[in-house]
Amino acid sequence: MEKIRKLIDVDAESLQILEAEAKKQKRSLKSYLEHTLEETAKKLESPSEGYMLMMDEMLARVAEGKAEYVDIAEIEKKYGL
C-alpha cells in the first residue's frame, strides 16, 4: 500500500495522552498513530464479521418466512412519534 505523508495539528493535551498510550504499547508515537489510523480505517471500510453473520442470519429468516415485521406507522403510533 502506498504511504502518503500528511501534516496534522493536535492540541498539547491530546498529544500527551497519545504519547502516554504509545509508551504503554511500547511504540513510538508515530507508529502508534499510524497503527490506530489504519485499524480505524479498516473498521470503517467494511462491516464487521459479527454484523455480516447477523445479517446473513436475518436474510435466511426472511427467505424462510420466519421474520416478523412491524409497520413503521404502528411503531410511531405506539411511541407517539
Protein backbone atom coordinates (compact mmCIF):
# COMPACT_ATOMS: atom_id res chain seq x y z
CA MET A 1 0.00 0.00 0.00
CA GLU A 2 1.32 3.44 -0.92
CA LYS A 3 2.11 5.70 2.04
CA ILE A 4 1.09 9.36 1.90
CA ARG A 5 2.53 11.99 4.22
CA LYS A 6 0.05 14.31 5.97
CA LEU A 7 0.67 17.13 8.41
CA ILE A 8 -1.83 17.28 11.26
CA ASP A 9 -2.35 19.70 14.16
CA VAL A 10 -3.01 18.21 17.59
CA ASP A 11 -3.54 20.12 20.81
CA ALA A 12 -0.91 19.64 23.53
CA GLU A 13 -3.21 17.77 25.94
CA SER A 14 -4.29 15.26 23.31
CA LEU A 15 -0.69 14.78 22.26
CA GLN A 16 0.33 13.98 25.85
CA ILE A 17 -2.45 11.40 26.14
CA LEU A 18 -1.48 9.80 22.82
CA GLU A 19 2.20 9.72 23.76
CA ALA A 20 1.37 8.03 27.07
CA GLU A 21 -0.72 5.38 25.31
CA ALA A 22 2.04 4.82 22.76
CA LYS A 23 4.53 4.24 25.59
CA LYS A 24 2.15 1.75 27.25
CA GLN A 25 2.11 -0.18 23.99
CA LYS A 26 5.89 0.12 23.64
CA ARG A 27 5.52 2.02 20.37
CA SER A 28 6.77 5.33 19.09
CA LEU A 29 4.10 8.00 18.82
CA LYS A 30 4.36 7.85 15.02
CA SER A 31 3.94 4.07 14.98
CA TYR A 32 1.02 4.25 17.42
CA LEU A 33 -0.79 6.90 15.37
CA GLU A 34 -0.25 5.05 12.09
CA HIS A 35 -1.46 1.78 13.60
CA THR A 36 -4.52 3.41 15.19
CA LEU A 37 -5.48 5.19 11.99
CA GLU A 38 -5.07 2.05 9.88
CA GLU A 39 -7.17 -0.03 12.29
CA THR A 40 -9.88 2.63 12.39
CA ALA A 41 -9.94 2.82 8.59
CA LYS A 42 -10.31 -0.97 8.35
CA LYS A 43 -13.28 -0.88 10.73
CA LEU A 44 -14.93 1.87 8.71
CA GLU A 45 -14.22 0.27 5.35
CA SER A 46 -16.43 -2.79 5.67
CA PRO A 47 -18.93 -4.30 8.10
CA SER A 48 -17.58 -6.39 10.96
CA GLU A 49 -17.69 -10.18 10.86
CA GLY A 50 -20.31 -10.13 13.62
CA TYR A 51 -22.51 -7.78 11.64
CA MET A 52 -22.14 -9.87 8.48
CA LEU A 53 -23.11 -13.02 10.41
CA MET A 54 -26.13 -11.29 11.94
CA MET A 55 -27.28 -10.04 8.53
CA ASP A 56 -26.79 -13.47 6.93
CA GLU A 57 -28.97 -14.98 9.66
CA MET A 58 -31.61 -12.28 9.19
CA LEU A 59 -31.68 -12.79 5.41
CA ALA A 60 -32.02 -16.54 5.92
CA ARG A 61 -35.00 -15.96 8.26
CA VAL A 62 -36.60 -13.64 5.68
CA ALA A 63 -36.09 -16.25 2.93
CA GLU A 64 -37.67 -18.92 5.16
CA GLY A 65 -40.61 -16.62 6.01
CA LYS A 66 -39.68 -16.60 9.70
CA ALA A 67 -39.01 -12.86 10.04
CA GLU A 68 -41.68 -10.69 11.64
CA TYR A 69 -42.21 -7.09 10.56
CA VAL A 70 -43.99 -4.21 12.25
CA ASP A 71 -45.22 -1.34 10.10
CA ILE A 72 -43.46 1.97 10.86
CA ALA A 73 -46.85 3.64 11.34
CA GLU A 74 -47.61 1.22 14.18
CA ILE A 75 -44.30 1.98 15.86
CA GLU A 76 -44.81 5.73 15.51
CA LYS A 77 -48.32 5.44 16.96
CA LYS A 78 -47.14 3.26 19.85
CA TYR A 79 -44.36 5.68 20.84
CA GLY A 80 -46.16 8.91 19.97
CA LEU A 81 -43.79 9.89 17.19
